[in-house]
Amino acid sequence: MKKLNNRIKVLRAEKEISQDTLAKAVEVSRQTIVAIEGKDYSPSIVLALKIAEYFDKNVNEVFSLSEK
């Protein structure tokens, strides 16, 4: 089974924003961002698009699939 990886933590660091700031911008809880960053939760397509748009990136630049 493939695993969903993401670069959210790196992108946040580059922009110098907190998990809370990102969460508010994409209208989710900070806990949701924590879970996505920790790979404990896979976001919906809509949320993945919102996150990518926030960072002005394509979804593929934020999220990727890899083997276990």
C-alpha atoms as a PDB file:
ATOM      1  CA  MET A   1       0.000   0.000   0.000  1.00  0.00           C
ATOM      2  CA  LYS A   2       1.246   3.473  -0.858  1.00  0.00           C
ATOM      3  CA  LYS A   3       1.745   6.145   1.780  1.00  0.00           C
ATOM      4  CA  LEU A   4       0.940   9.843   1.426  1.00  0.00           C
ATOM      5  CA  ASN A   5       3.934  12.040   2.204  1.00  0.00           C
ATOM      6  CA  ASN A   6       3.914  15.807   2.470  1.00  0.00           C
ATOM      7  CA  ARG A   7       6.211  18.809   2.695  1.00  0.00           C
ATOM      8  CA  ILE A   8       3.929  20.945   4.857  1.00  0.00           C
ATOM      9  CA  LYS A   9       6.369  21.305   7.745  1.00  0.00           C
ATOM     10  CA  VAL A  10       9.162  22.385   5.360  1.00  0.00           C
ATOM     11  CA  LEU A  11       6.887  24.827   3.559  1.00  0.00           C
ATOM     12  CA  ARG A  12       5.685  26.277   6.856  1.00  0.00           C
ATOM     13  CA  ALA A  13       9.288  26.781   7.968  1.00  0.00           C
ATOM     14  CA  GLU A  14      10.129  28.539   4.694  1.00  0.00           C
ATOM     15  CA  LYS A  15       7.166  30.875   5.197  1.00  0.00           C
ATOM     16  CA  GLU A  16       7.821  31.127   8.939  1.00  0.00           C
ATOM     17  CA  ILE A  17       4.237  30.336   9.893  1.00  0.00           C
ATOM     18  CA  SER A  18       2.805  28.213  12.664  1.00  0.00           C
ATOM     19  CA  GLN A  19       0.515  25.231  12.402  1.00  0.00           C
ATOM     20  CA  ASP A  20      -2.214  27.416  13.870  1.00  0.00           C
ATOM     21  CA  THR A  21      -1.762  30.081  11.187  1.00  0.00           C
ATOM     22  CA  LEU A  22      -1.990  27.500   8.419  1.00  0.00           C
ATOM     23  CA  ALA A  23      -4.975  25.831  10.052  1.00  0.00           C
ATOM     24  CA  LYS A  24      -6.896  29.101  10.211  1.00  0.00           C
ATOM     25  CA  ALA A  25      -6.016  29.931   6.603  1.00  0.00           C
ATOM     26  CA  VAL A  26      -7.386  26.609   5.305  1.00  0.00           C
ATOM     27  CA  GLU A  27     -10.262  26.484   7.829  1.00  0.00           C
ATOM     28  CA  VAL A  28      -9.331  23.387   9.846  1.00  0.00           C
ATOM     29  CA  SER A  29      -8.130  22.791  13.398  1.00  0.00           C
ATOM     30  CA  ARG A  30      -4.463  22.907  14.358  1.00  0.00           C
ATOM     31  CA  GLN A  31      -4.825  19.236  15.316  1.00  0.00           C
ATOM     32  CA  THR A  32      -5.723  18.430  11.705  1.00  0.00           C
ATOM     33  CA  ILE A  33      -2.504  20.055  10.493  1.00  0.00           C
ATOM     34  CA  VAL A  34      -0.545  18.149  13.163  1.00  0.00           C
ATOM     35  CA  ALA A  35      -2.120  14.871  12.005  1.00  0.00           C
ATOM     36  CA  ILE A  36      -1.422  15.567   8.325  1.00  0.00           C
ATOM     37  CA  GLU A  37       2.196  16.535   9.020  1.00  0.00           C
ATOM     38  CA  GLY A  38       2.605  13.396  11.137  1.00  0.00           C
ATOM     39  CA  LYS A  39       1.149  11.282   8.326  1.00  0.00           C
ATOM     40  CA  ASP A  40      -1.614  10.093  10.666  1.00  0.00           C
ATOM     41  CA  TYR A  41      -4.334  11.608   8.489  1.00  0.00           C
ATOM     42  CA  SER A  42      -4.762  11.950   4.741  1.00  0.00           C
ATOM     43  CA  PRO A  43      -6.523  15.180   3.802  1.00  0.00           C
ATOM     44  CA  SER A  44      -9.500  15.338   1.498  1.00  0.00           C
ATOM     45  CA  ILE A  45      -8.846  16.465  -2.049  1.00  0.00           C
ATOM     46  CA  VAL A  46     -10.403  19.829  -1.266  1.00  0.00           C
ATOM     47  CA  LEU A  47      -8.179  20.328   1.781  1.00  0.00           C
ATOM     48  CA  ALA A  48      -5.064  19.220  -0.127  1.00  0.00           C
ATOM     49  CA  LEU A  49      -5.911  21.784  -2.819  1.00  0.00           C
ATOM     50  CA  LYS A  50      -6.456  24.525  -0.224  1.00  0.00           C
ATOM     51  CA  ILE A  51      -3.094  23.777   1.402  1.00  0.00           C
ATOM     52  CA  ALA A  52      -1.297  23.750  -1.951  1.00  0.00           C
ATOM     53  CA  GLU A  53      -2.994  26.995  -2.971  1.00  0.00           C
ATOM     54  CA  TYR A  54      -2.002  28.626   0.323  1.00  0.00           C
ATOM     55  CA  PHE A  55       1.660  27.871  -0.417  1.00  0.00           C
ATOM     56  CA  ASP A  56       1.227  28.804  -4.096  1.00  0.00           C
ATOM     57  CA  LYS A  57       2.281  25.288  -5.127  1.00  0.00           C
ATOM     58  CA  ASN A  58       0.847  22.452  -7.185  1.00  0.00           C
ATOM     59  CA  VAL A  59      -0.584  19.613  -5.113  1.00  0.00           C
ATOM     60  CA  ASN A  60       2.261  17.392  -6.364  1.00  0.00           C
ATOM     61  CA  GLU A  61       4.770  19.827  -4.877  1.00  0.00           C
ATOM     62  CA  VAL A  62       3.170  19.486  -1.436  1.00  0.00           C
ATOM     63  CA  PHE A  63       1.981  15.878  -1.429  1.00  0.00           C
ATOM     64  CA  SER A  64       3.496  12.715  -2.918  1.00  0.00           C
ATOM     65  CA  LEU A  65       2.927   8.970  -2.822  1.00  0.00           C
ATOM     66  CA  SER A  66       5.589   6.478  -1.850  1.00  0.00           C
ATOM     67  CA  GLU A  67       5.863   2.811  -1.103  1.00  0.00           C
ATOM     68  CA  LYS A  68       5.407   1.952   2.562  1.00  0.00           C
END
